[in-house]
């Protein structure tokens, strides 16, 4: 009797280890996101042309990220198991958040 296709997809999967890794990655994403929110609020609070530009950039980035994430998720680009899709999703958004943190942390002028 041969192994089922789903068994091949889960090869090397350890529920406790991989769930703990997902929890740590998700927790890190939440902390990194909070830092970006703080940085972005400081920029938006100026209520000047720079704040307007930041708001427009933020909305565009969010729409672009949502479309790209949805496409990759639907096409199996993050993985074909729920756990791999979840970890791929968290990694995707961590990259987006890290790029925003770097950009917002740079000193202007």
PDB file of N, CA and C in Angstrom:
ATOM      1  N   UNK A   1       0.839  -1.169   0.000  1.00  0.00           N
ATOM      2  CA  UNK A   1       0.000   0.000   0.000  1.00  0.00           C
ATOM      3  C   UNK A   1       0.891   1.242   0.000  1.00  0.00           C
ATOM      4  N   UNK A   2       0.604   2.200  -0.871  1.00  0.00           N
ATOM      5  CA  UNK A   2       1.439   3.399  -0.962  1.00  0.00           C
ATOM      6  C   UNK A   2       0.893   4.494  -0.049  1.00  0.00           C
ATOM      7  N   UNK A   3       1.767   5.443   0.258  1.00  0.00           N
ATOM      8  CA  UNK A   3       1.380   6.558   1.134  1.00  0.00           C
ATOM      9  C   UNK A   3       0.410   7.470   0.403  1.00  0.00           C
ATOM     10  N   UNK A   4      -0.456   8.096   1.146  1.00  0.00           N
ATOM     11  CA  UNK A   4      -1.431   9.004   0.553  1.00  0.00           C
ATOM     12  C   UNK A   4      -0.743  10.290   0.101  1.00  0.00           C
ATOM     13  N   UNK A   5      -1.324  10.992  -0.865  1.00  0.00           N
ATOM     14  CA  UNK A   5      -0.727  12.266  -1.311  1.00  0.00           C
ATOM     15  C   UNK A   5      -0.589  13.276  -0.177  1.00  0.00           C
ATOM     16  N   UNK A   6      -1.553  13.284   0.747  1.00  0.00           N
ATOM     17  CA  UNK A   6      -1.464  14.248   1.846  1.00  0.00           C
ATOM     18  C   UNK A   6      -0.295  13.925   2.771  1.00  0.00           C
ATOM     19  N   UNK A   7       0.045  12.652   2.901  1.00  0.00           N
ATOM     20  CA  UNK A   7       1.198  12.280   3.734  1.00  0.00           C
ATOM     21  C   UNK A   7       2.478  12.843   3.140  1.00  0.00           C
ATOM     22  N   UNK A   8       2.583  12.848   1.823  1.00  0.00           N
ATOM     23  CA  UNK A   8       3.770  13.403   1.170  1.00  0.00           C
ATOM     24  C   UNK A   8       3.861  14.906   1.393  1.00  0.00           C
ATOM     25  N   UNK A   9       2.726  15.584   1.411  1.00  0.00           N
ATOM     26  CA  UNK A   9       2.728  17.033   1.637  1.00  0.00           C
ATOM     27  C   UNK A   9       3.195  17.379   3.040  1.00  0.00           C
ATOM     28  N   UNK A  10       2.906  16.505   4.001  1.00  0.00           N
ATOM     29  CA  UNK A  10       3.244  16.767   5.398  1.00  0.00           C
ATOM     30  C   UNK A  10       4.558  16.131   5.831  1.00  0.00           C
ATOM     31  N   UNK A  11       5.355  15.677   4.888  1.00  0.00           N
ATOM     32  CA  UNK A  11       6.627  15.040   5.234  1.00  0.00           C
ATOM     33  C   UNK A  11       7.485  16.017   6.042  1.00  0.00           C
ATOM     34  N   UNK A  12       8.001  15.550   7.146  1.00  0.00           N
ATOM     35  CA  UNK A  12       8.844  16.388   7.990  1.00  0.00           C
ATOM     36  C   UNK A  12       8.074  17.310   8.917  1.00  0.00           C
ATOM     37  N   UNK A  13       6.760  17.218   8.906  1.00  0.00           N
ATOM     38  CA  UNK A  13       5.932  18.093   9.740  1.00  0.00           C
ATOM     39  C   UNK A  13       5.891  17.558  11.164  1.00  0.00           C
ATOM     40  N   UNK A  14       6.189  18.411  12.106  1.00  0.00           N
ATOM     41  CA  UNK A  14       6.094  18.070  13.526  1.00  0.00           C
ATOM     42  C   UNK A  14       5.133  19.076  14.141  1.00  0.00           C
ATOM     43  N   UNK A  15       3.969  18.623  14.564  1.00  0.00           N
ATOM     44  CA  UNK A  15       2.907  19.525  15.011  1.00  0.00           C
ATOM     45  C   UNK A  15       3.371  20.478  16.107  1.00  0.00           C
ATOM     46  N   UNK A  16       3.993  19.951  17.152  1.00  0.00           N
ATOM     47  CA  UNK A  16       4.399  20.808  18.274  1.00  0.00           C
ATOM     48  C   UNK A  16       5.465  21.809  17.841  1.00  0.00           C
ATOM     49  N   UNK A  17       6.505  21.340  17.172  1.00  0.00           N
ATOM     50  CA  UNK A  17       7.609  22.218  16.764  1.00  0.00           C
ATOM     51  C   UNK A  17       7.128  23.268  15.776  1.00  0.00           C
ATOM     52  N   UNK A  18       6.398  22.830  14.753  1.00  0.00           N
ATOM     53  CA  UNK A  18       5.993  23.761  13.702  1.00  0.00           C
ATOM     54  C   UNK A  18       4.920  24.740  14.175  1.00  0.00           C
ATOM     55  N   UNK A  19       4.067  24.316  15.081  1.00  0.00           N
ATOM     56  CA  UNK A  19       3.070  25.231  15.647  1.00  0.00           C
ATOM     57  C   UNK A  19       3.747  26.267  16.536  1.00  0.00           C
ATOM     58  N   UNK A  20       4.725  25.840  17.321  1.00  0.00           N
ATOM     59  CA  UNK A  20       5.471  26.788  18.156  1.00  0.00           C
ATOM     60  C   UNK A  20       6.183  27.819  17.283  1.00  0.00           C
ATOM     61  N   UNK A  21       6.777  27.374  16.179  1.00  0.00           N
ATOM     62  CA  UNK A  21       7.453  28.302  15.266  1.00  0.00           C
ATOM     63  C   UNK A  21       6.463  29.300  14.679  1.00  0.00           C
ATOM     64  N   UNK A  22       5.289  28.822  14.302  1.00  0.00           N
ATOM     65  CA  UNK A  22       4.258  29.719  13.759  1.00  0.00           C
ATOM     66  C   UNK A  22       3.814  30.738  14.809  1.00  0.00           C
ATOM     67  N   UNK A  23       3.674  30.303  16.042  1.00  0.00           N
ATOM     68  CA  UNK A  23       3.286  31.228  17.117  1.00  0.00           C
ATOM     69  C   UNK A  23       4.340  32.308  17.330  1.00  0.00           C
ATOM     70  N   UNK A  24       5.611  31.927  17.332  1.00  0.00           N
ATOM     71  CA  UNK A  24       6.692  32.904  17.513  1.00  0.00           C
ATOM     72  C   UNK A  24       6.731  33.876  16.337  1.00  0.00           C
ATOM     73  N   UNK A  25       6.589  33.358  15.119  1.00  0.00           N
ATOM     74  CA  UNK A  25       6.598  34.223  13.937  1.00  0.00           C
ATOM     75  C   UNK A  25       5.407  35.192  13.955  1.00  0.00           C
ATOM     76  N   UNK A  26       4.251  34.701  14.369  1.00  0.00           N
ATOM     77  CA  UNK A  26       3.064  35.563  14.450  1.00  0.00           C
ATOM     78  C   UNK A  26       3.226  36.626  15.525  1.00  0.00           C
ATOM     79  N   UNK A  27       3.779  36.250  16.646  1.00  0.00           N
ATOM     80  CA  UNK A  27       4.037  37.194  17.733  1.00  0.00           C
ATOM     81  C   UNK A  27       5.010  38.263  17.268  1.00  0.00           C
ATOM     82  N   UNK A  28       6.071  37.851  16.577  1.00  0.00           N
ATOM     83  CA  UNK A  28       7.051  38.813  16.051  1.00  0.00           C
ATOM     84  C   UNK A  28       6.392  39.772  15.074  1.00  0.00           C
ATOM     85  N   UNK A  29       5.534  39.249  14.209  1.00  0.00           N
ATOM     86  CA  UNK A  29       4.809  40.105  13.270  1.00  0.00           C
ATOM     87  C   UNK A  29       3.970  41.137  14.018  1.00  0.00           C
ATOM     88  N   UNK A  30       3.334  40.736  15.099  1.00  0.00           N
ATOM     89  CA  UNK A  30       2.497  41.691  15.833  1.00  0.00           C
ATOM     90  C   UNK A  30       3.338  42.801  16.462  1.00  0.00           C
ATOM     91  N   UNK A  31       4.503  42.451  17.004  1.00  0.00           N
ATOM     92  CA  UNK A  31       5.381  43.476  17.585  1.00  0.00           C
ATOM     93  C   UNK A  31       5.939  44.404  16.513  1.00  0.00           C
ATOM     94  N   UNK A  32       6.366  43.825  15.392  1.00  0.00           N
ATOM     95  CA  UNK A  32       6.908  44.637  14.296  1.00  0.00           C
ATOM     96  C   UNK A  32       5.826  45.554  13.727  1.00  0.00           C
ATOM     97  N   UNK A  33       4.609  45.050  13.628  1.00  0.00           N
ATOM     98  CA  UNK A  33       3.496  45.860  13.120  1.00  0.00           C
ATOM     99  C   UNK A  33       3.194  47.020  14.057  1.00  0.00           C
ATOM    100  N   UNK A  34       3.257  46.768  15.353  1.00  0.00           N
ATOM    101  CA  UNK A  34       3.012  47.835  16.327  1.00  0.00           C
ATOM    102  C   UNK A  34       4.046  48.948  16.177  1.00  0.00           C
ATOM    103  N   UNK A  35       5.302  48.568  15.934  1.00  0.00           N
ATOM    104  CA  UNK A  35       6.355  49.571  15.738  1.00  0.00           C
ATOM    105  C   UNK A  35       6.081  50.399  14.488  1.00  0.00           C
ATOM    106  N   UNK A  36       5.637  49.758  13.421  1.00  0.00           N
ATOM    107  CA  UNK A  36       5.341  50.486  12.181  1.00  0.00           C
ATOM    108  C   UNK A  36       4.141  51.411  12.390  1.00  0.00           C
ATOM    109  N   UNK A  37       3.140  50.946  13.094  1.00  0.00           N
ATOM    110  CA  UNK A  37       1.977  51.802  13.378  1.00  0.00           C
ATOM    111  C   UNK A  37       2.420  53.041  14.143  1.00  0.00           C
ATOM    112  N   UNK A  38       3.266  52.861  15.135  1.00  0.00           N
ATOM    113  CA  UNK A  38       3.772  53.982  15.931  1.00  0.00           C
ATOM    114  C   UNK A  38       4.531  54.972  15.040  1.00  0.00           C
ATOM    115  N   UNK A  39       5.436  54.464  14.209  1.00  0.00           N
ATOM    116  CA  UNK A  39       6.214  55.328  13.311  1.00  0.00           C
ATOM    117  C   UNK A  39       5.305  56.053  12.322  1.00  0.00           C
ATOM    118  N   UNK A  40       4.341  55.322  11.793  1.00  0.00           N
ATOM    119  CA  UNK A  40       3.451  55.911  10.795  1.00  0.00           C
ATOM    120  C   UNK A  40       2.532  56.961  11.424  1.00  0.00           C
ATOM    121  N   UNK A  41       2.052  56.721  12.623  1.00  0.00           N
ATOM    122  CA  UNK A  41       1.203  57.710  13.291  1.00  0.00           C
ATOM    123  C   UNK A  41       1.958  59.012  13.522  1.00  0.00           C
ATOM    124  N   UNK A  42       3.230  58.892  13.869  1.00  0.00           N
ATOM    125  CA  UNK A  42       4.042  60.096  14.047  1.00  0.00           C
ATOM    126  C   UNK A  42       4.123  60.904  12.770  1.00  0.00           C
ATOM    127  N   UNK A  43       4.264  60.207  11.659  1.00  0.00           N
ATOM    128  CA  UNK A  43       4.341  60.889  10.370  1.00  0.00           C
ATOM    129  C   UNK A  43       2.985  61.483   9.980  1.00  0.00           C
ATOM    130  N   UNK A  44       1.922  60.728  10.196  1.00  0.00           N
ATOM    131  CA  UNK A  44       0.588  61.206   9.824  1.00  0.00           C
ATOM    132  C   UNK A  44       0.121  62.368  10.701  1.00  0.00           C
ATOM    133  N   UNK A  45       0.596  62.425  11.928  1.00  0.00           N
ATOM    134  CA  UNK A  45       0.166  63.471  12.861  1.00  0.00           C
ATOM    135  C   UNK A  45       0.586  64.858  12.416  1.00  0.00           C
ATOM    136  N   UNK A  46       1.561  64.947  11.527  1.00  0.00           N
ATOM    137  CA  UNK A  46       2.031  66.255  11.059  1.00  0.00           C
ATOM    138  C   UNK A  46       0.956  66.991  10.256  1.00  0.00           C
ATOM    139  N   UNK A  47       0.036  66.246   9.668  1.00  0.00           N
ATOM    140  CA  UNK A  47      -1.052  66.835   8.877  1.00  0.00           C
ATOM    141  C   UNK A  47      -0.553  67.795   7.803  1.00  0.00           C
ATOM    142  N   UNK A  48       0.538  67.422   7.145  1.00  0.00           N
ATOM    143  CA  UNK A  48       1.086  68.243   6.068  1.00  0.00           C
ATOM    144  C   UNK A  48       1.122  67.425   4.774  1.00  0.00           C
ATOM    145  N   UNK A  49       1.780  67.935   3.763  1.00  0.00           N
ATOM    146  CA  UNK A  49       1.859  67.240   2.477  1.00  0.00           C
ATOM    147  C   UNK A  49       2.542  65.885   2.614  1.00  0.00           C
ATOM    148  N   UNK A  50       3.530  65.815   3.489  1.00  0.00           N
ATOM    149  CA  UNK A  50       4.220  64.554   3.737  1.00  0.00           C
ATOM    150  C   UNK A  50       3.268  63.517   4.344  1.00  0.00           C
ATOM    151  N   UNK A  51       2.388  63.968   5.228  1.00  0.00           N
ATOM    152  CA  UNK A  51       1.408  63.071   5.849  1.00  0.00           C
ATOM    153  C   UNK A  51       0.415  62.558   4.809  1.00  0.00           C
ATOM    154  N   UNK A  52      -0.016  63.453   3.917  1.00  0.00           N
ATOM    155  CA  UNK A  52      -0.930  63.047   2.854  1.00  0.00           C
ATOM    156  C   UNK A  52      -0.264  62.023   1.946  1.00  0.00           C
ATOM    157  N   UNK A  53       0.984  62.261   1.589  1.00  0.00           N
ATOM    158  CA  UNK A  53       1.723  61.323   0.737  1.00  0.00           C
ATOM    159  C   UNK A  53       1.871  59.970   1.431  1.00  0.00           C
ATOM    160  N   UNK A  54       2.144  59.993   2.730  1.00  0.00           N
ATOM    161  CA  UNK A  54       2.280  58.748   3.496  1.00  0.00           C
ATOM    162  C   UNK A  54       0.961  57.982   3.525  1.00  0.00           C
ATOM    163  N   UNK A  55      -0.135  58.681   3.719  1.00  0.00           N
ATOM    164  CA  UNK A  55      -1.442  58.037   3.719  1.00  0.00           C
ATOM    165  C   UNK A  55      -1.764  57.394   2.383  1.00  0.00           C
ATOM    166  N   UNK A  56      -1.470  58.092   1.309  1.00  0.00           N
ATOM    167  CA  UNK A  56      -1.706  57.537  -0.029  1.00  0.00           C
ATOM    168  C   UNK A  56      -0.812  56.325  -0.283  1.00  0.00           C
ATOM    169  N   UNK A  57       0.456  56.431   0.118  1.00  0.00           N
ATOM    170  CA  UNK A  57       1.391  55.311  -0.043  1.00  0.00           C
ATOM    171  C   UNK A  57       0.913  54.108   0.765  1.00  0.00           C
ATOM    172  N   UNK A  58       0.478  54.349   1.998  1.00  0.00           N
ATOM    173  CA  UNK A  58       0.009  53.277   2.872  1.00  0.00           C
ATOM    174  C   UNK A  58      -1.174  52.539   2.245  1.00  0.00           C
ATOM    175  N   UNK A  59      -2.146  53.276   1.748  1.00  0.00           N
ATOM    176  CA  UNK A  59      -3.311  52.632   1.139  1.00  0.00           C
ATOM    177  C   UNK A  59      -2.923  51.829  -0.090  1.00  0.00           C
ATOM    178  N   UNK A  60      -2.064  52.395  -0.926  1.00  0.00           N
ATOM    179  CA  UNK A  60      -1.615  51.677  -2.116  1.00  0.00           C
ATOM    180  C   UNK A  60      -0.872  50.400  -1.764  1.00  0.00           C
ATOM    181  N   UNK A  61      -0.007  50.486  -0.748  1.00  0.00           N
ATOM    182  CA  UNK A  61       0.744  49.306  -0.310  1.00  0.00           C
ATOM    183  C   UNK A  61      -0.188  48.226   0.225  1.00  0.00           C
ATOM    184  N   UNK A  62      -1.190  48.629   0.968  1.00  0.00           N
ATOM    185  CA  UNK A  62      -2.115  47.652   1.555  1.00  0.00           C
ATOM    186  C   UNK A  62      -2.920  46.940   0.470  1.00  0.00           C
ATOM    187  N   UNK A  63      -3.383  47.676  -0.515  1.00  0.00           N
ATOM    188  CA  UNK A  63      -4.133  47.063  -1.612  1.00  0.00           C
ATOM    189  C   UNK A  63      -3.227  46.117  -2.398  1.00  0.00           C
ATOM    190  N   UNK A  64      -2.026  46.581  -2.727  1.00  0.00           N
ATOM    191  CA  UNK A  64      -1.086  45.752  -3.484  1.00  0.00           C
ATOM    192  C   UNK A  64      -0.733  44.480  -2.708  1.00  0.00           C
ATOM    193  N   UNK A  65      -0.465  44.613  -1.419  1.00  0.00           N
ATOM    194  CA  UNK A  65      -0.119  43.445  -0.600  1.00  0.00           C
ATOM    195  C   UNK A  65      -1.296  42.474  -0.527  1.00  0.00           C
ATOM    196  N   UNK A  66      -2.513  42.983  -0.376  1.00  0.00           N
ATOM    197  CA  UNK A  66      -3.685  42.108  -0.284  1.00  0.00           C
ATOM    198  C   UNK A  66      -3.894  41.332  -1.577  1.00  0.00           C
ATOM    199  N   UNK A  67      -3.724  42.004  -2.708  1.00  0.00           N
ATOM    200  CA  UNK A  67      -3.898  41.335  -4.001  1.00  0.00           C
ATOM    201  C   UNK A  67      -2.813  40.278  -4.194  1.00  0.00           C
ATOM    202  N   UNK A  68      -1.554  40.650  -3.930  1.00  0.00           N
ATOM    203  CA  UNK A  68      -0.458  39.696  -4.089  1.00  0.00           C
ATOM    204  C   UNK A  68      -0.620  38.512  -3.136  1.00  0.00           C
ATOM    205  N   UNK A  69      -0.959  38.780  -1.891  1.00  0.00           N
ATOM    206  CA  UNK A  69      -1.138  37.699  -0.912  1.00  0.00           C
ATOM    207  C   UNK A  69      -2.268  36.766  -1.345  1.00  0.00           C
ATOM    208  N   UNK A  70      -3.387  37.337  -1.744  1.00  0.00           N
ATOM    209  CA  UNK A  70      -4.529  36.513  -2.158  1.00  0.00           C
ATOM    210  C   UNK A  70      -4.168  35.615  -3.332  1.00  0.00           C
ATOM    211  N   UNK A  71      -3.460  36.173  -4.291  1.00  0.00           N
ATOM    212  CA  UNK A  71      -3.060  35.395  -5.466  1.00  0.00           C
ATOM    213  C   UNK A  71      -2.132  34.249  -5.061  1.00  0.00           C
ATOM    214  N   UNK A  72      -1.131  34.559  -4.263  1.00  0.00           N
ATOM    215  CA  UNK A  72      -0.186  33.518  -3.857  1.00  0.00           C
ATOM    216  C   UNK A  72      -0.861  32.453  -3.011  1.00  0.00           C
ATOM    217  N   UNK A  73      -1.756  32.859  -2.139  1.00  0.00           N
ATOM    218  CA  UNK A  73      -2.461  31.903  -1.287  1.00  0.00           C
ATOM    219  C   UNK A  73      -3.344  30.988  -2.140  1.00  0.00           C
ATOM    220  N   UNK A  74      -4.102  31.580  -3.054  1.00  0.00           N
ATOM    221  CA  UNK A  74      -5.013  30.802  -3.897  1.00  0.00           C
ATOM    222  C   UNK A  74      -4.273  29.876  -4.859  1.00  0.00           C
ATOM    223  N   UNK A  75      -3.082  30.266  -5.287  1.00  0.00           N
ATOM    224  CA  UNK A  75      -2.338  29.461  -6.251  1.00  0.00           C
ATOM    225  C   UNK A  75      -1.413  28.437  -5.590  1.00  0.00           C
ATOM    226  N   UNK A  76      -1.424  28.390  -4.261  1.00  0.00           N
ATOM    227  CA  UNK A  76      -0.557  27.441  -3.558  1.00  0.00           C
ATOM    228  C   UNK A  76       0.867  27.921  -3.417  1.00  0.00           C
ATOM    229  N   UNK A  77       1.082  29.196  -3.639  1.00  0.00           N
ATOM    230  CA  UNK A  77       2.432  29.747  -3.584  1.00  0.00           C
ATOM    231  C   UNK A  77       3.064  29.745  -2.209  1.00  0.00           C
ATOM    232  N   UNK A  78       2.253  29.627  -1.179  1.00  0.00           N
ATOM    233  CA  UNK A  78       2.783  29.567   0.187  1.00  0.00           C
ATOM    234  C   UNK A  78       2.894  28.132   0.675  1.00  0.00           C
ATOM    235  N   UNK A  79       2.318  27.214  -0.035  1.00  0.00           N
ATOM    236  CA  UNK A  79       2.319  25.814   0.358  1.00  0.00           C
ATOM    237  C   UNK A  79       0.926  25.239   0.211  1.00  0.00           C
ATOM    238  N   UNK A  80       0.858  23.930   0.210  1.00  0.00           N
ATOM    239  CA  UNK A  80      -0.416  23.269  -0.044  1.00  0.00           C
ATOM    240  C   UNK A  80      -1.099  22.726   1.208  1.00  0.00           C
ATOM    241  N   UNK A  81      -0.456  22.886   2.346  1.00  0.00           N
ATOM    242  CA  UNK A  81      -1.095  22.479   3.598  1.00  0.00           C
ATOM    243  C   UNK A  81      -1.483  23.734   4.374  1.00  0.00           C
ATOM    244  N   UNK A  82      -2.462  23.639   5.243  1.00  0.00           N
ATOM    245  CA  UNK A  82      -2.852  24.819   6.016  1.00  0.00           C
ATOM    246  C   UNK A  82      -1.684  25.417   6.800  1.00  0.00           C
ATOM    247  N   UNK A  83      -0.867  24.569   7.381  1.00  0.00           N
ATOM    248  CA  UNK A  83       0.239  25.071   8.187  1.00  0.00           C
ATOM    249  C   UNK A  83       1.264  25.823   7.330  1.00  0.00           C
ATOM    250  N   UNK A  84       1.613  25.264   6.198  1.00  0.00           N
ATOM    251  CA  UNK A  84       2.574  25.951   5.308  1.00  0.00           C
ATOM    252  C   UNK A  84       1.985  27.246   4.758  1.00  0.00           C
ATOM    253  N   UNK A  85       0.701  27.230   4.453  1.00  0.00           N
ATOM    254  CA  UNK A  85       0.049  28.459   3.972  1.00  0.00           C
ATOM    255  C   UNK A  85       0.072  29.531   5.059  1.00  0.00           C
ATOM    256  N   UNK A  86      -0.156  29.128   6.301  1.00  0.00           N
ATOM    257  CA  UNK A  86      -0.133  30.090   7.407  1.00  0.00           C
ATOM    258  C   UNK A  86       1.266  30.660   7.603  1.00  0.00           C
ATOM    259  N   UNK A  87       2.274  29.793   7.615  1.00  0.00           N
ATOM    260  CA  UNK A  87       3.646  30.276   7.798  1.00  0.00           C
ATOM    261  C   UNK A  87       4.084  31.146   6.626  1.00  0.00           C
ATOM    262  N   UNK A  88       3.681  30.768   5.416  1.00  0.00           N
ATOM    263  CA  UNK A  88       4.009  31.584   4.249  1.00  0.00           C
ATOM    264  C   UNK A  88       3.344  32.948   4.314  1.00  0.00           C
ATOM    265  N   UNK A  89       2.114  32.980   4.796  1.00  0.00           N
ATOM    266  CA  UNK A  89       1.393  34.243   4.933  1.00  0.00           C
ATOM    267  C   UNK A  89       2.065  35.154   5.949  1.00  0.00           C
ATOM    268  N   UNK A  90       2.435  34.595   7.083  1.00  0.00           N
ATOM    269  CA  UNK A  90       3.104  35.399   8.114  1.00  0.00           C
ATOM    270  C   UNK A  90       4.435  35.914   7.581  1.00  0.00           C
ATOM    271  N   UNK A  91       5.197  35.068   6.902  1.00  0.00           N
ATOM    272  CA  UNK A  91       6.488  35.498   6.342  1.00  0.00           C
ATOM    273  C   UNK A  91       6.292  36.605   5.304  1.00  0.00           C
ATOM    274  N   UNK A  92       5.256  36.476   4.484  1.00  0.00           N
ATOM    275  CA  UNK A  92       4.951  37.487   3.470  1.00  0.00           C
ATOM    276  C   UNK A  92       4.722  38.847   4.135  1.00  0.00           C
ATOM    277  N   UNK A  93       3.867  38.871   5.151  1.00  0.00           N
ATOM    278  CA  UNK A  93       3.565  40.142   5.800  1.00  0.00           C
ATOM    279  C   UNK A  93       4.720  40.649   6.652  1.00  0.00           C
ATOM    280  N   UNK A  94       5.539  39.770   7.184  1.00  0.00           N
ATOM    281  CA  UNK A  94       6.721  40.230   7.932  1.00  0.00           C
ATOM    282  C   UNK A  94       7.678  40.971   7.006  1.00  0.00           C
ATOM    283  N   UNK A  95       7.827  40.491   5.763  1.00  0.00           N
ATOM    284  CA  UNK A  95       8.684  41.209   4.802  1.00  0.00           C
ATOM    285  C   UNK A  95       8.116  42.589   4.492  1.00  0.00           C
ATOM    286  N   UNK A  96       6.801  42.666   4.314  1.00  0.00           N
ATOM    287  CA  UNK A  96       6.159  43.958   4.030  1.00  0.00           C
ATOM    288  C   UNK A  96       6.357  44.926   5.193  1.00  0.00           C
ATOM    289  N   UNK A  97       6.137  44.434   6.397  1.00  0.00           N
ATOM    290  CA  UNK A  97       6.248  45.269   7.597  1.00  0.00           C
ATOM    291  C   UNK A  97       7.692  45.709   7.806  1.00  0.00           C
ATOM    292  N   UNK A  98       8.646  44.813   7.596  1.00  0.00           N
ATOM    293  CA  UNK A  98      10.065  45.155   7.771  1.00  0.00           C
ATOM    294  C   UNK A  98      10.481  46.253   6.795  1.00  0.00           C
ATOM    295  N   UNK A  99      10.010  46.166   5.558  1.00  0.00           N
ATOM    296  CA  UNK A  99      10.344  47.199   4.569  1.00  0.00           C
ATOM    297  C   UNK A  99       9.776  48.548   5.006  1.00  0.00           C
ATOM    298  N   UNK A 100       8.561  48.558   5.519  1.00  0.00           N
ATOM    299  CA  UNK A 100       7.963  49.811   5.996  1.00  0.00           C
ATOM    300  C   UNK A 100       8.708  50.353   7.211  1.00  0.00           C
ATOM    301  N   UNK A 101       9.107  49.461   8.096  1.00  0.00           N
ATOM    302  CA  UNK A 101       9.849  49.908   9.294  1.00  0.00           C
ATOM    303  C   UNK A 101      11.170  50.559   8.887  1.00  0.00           C
ATOM    304  N   UNK A 102      11.879  49.941   7.941  1.00  0.00           N
ATOM    305  CA  UNK A 102      13.145  50.534   7.467  1.00  0.00           C
ATOM    306  C   UNK A 102      12.904  51.901   6.840  1.00  0.00           C
ATOM    307  N   UNK A 103      11.889  51.987   5.995  1.00  0.00           N
ATOM    308  CA  UNK A 103      11.603  53.250   5.308  1.00  0.00           C
ATOM    309  C   UNK A 103      11.186  54.333   6.296  1.00  0.00           C
ATOM    310  N   UNK A 104      10.309  54.002   7.219  1.00  0.00           N
ATOM    311  CA  UNK A 104       9.812  55.000   8.164  1.00  0.00           C
ATOM    312  C   UNK A 104      10.850  55.382   9.228  1.00  0.00           C
ATOM    313  N   UNK A 105      11.846  54.537   9.446  1.00  0.00           N
ATOM    314  CA  UNK A 105      12.868  54.809  10.452  1.00  0.00           C
ATOM    315  C   UNK A 105      13.991  55.711   9.930  1.00  0.00           C
ATOM    316  N   UNK A 106      14.096  55.826   8.617  1.00  0.00           N
ATOM    317  CA  UNK A 106      15.157  56.674   8.049  1.00  0.00           C
ATOM    318  C   UNK A 106      14.898  58.127   8.403  1.00  0.00           C
ATOM    319  N   UNK A 107      15.962  58.806   8.726  1.00  0.00           N
ATOM    320  CA  UNK A 107      15.859  60.245   9.003  1.00  0.00           C
ATOM    321  C   UNK A 107      15.770  60.993   7.693  1.00  0.00           C
ATOM    322  N   UNK A 108      14.884  61.963   7.640  1.00  0.00           N
ATOM    323  CA  UNK A 108      14.729  62.782   6.433  1.00  0.00           C
ATOM    324  C   UNK A 108      15.600  64.020   6.557  1.00  0.00           C
ATOM    325  N   UNK A 109      16.090  64.426   5.380  1.00  0.00           N
ATOM    326  CA  UNK A 109      16.814  65.686   5.258  1.00  0.00           C
ATOM    327  C   UNK A 109      17.969  65.776   6.138  1.00  0.00           C
TER     328      UNK A 109
END
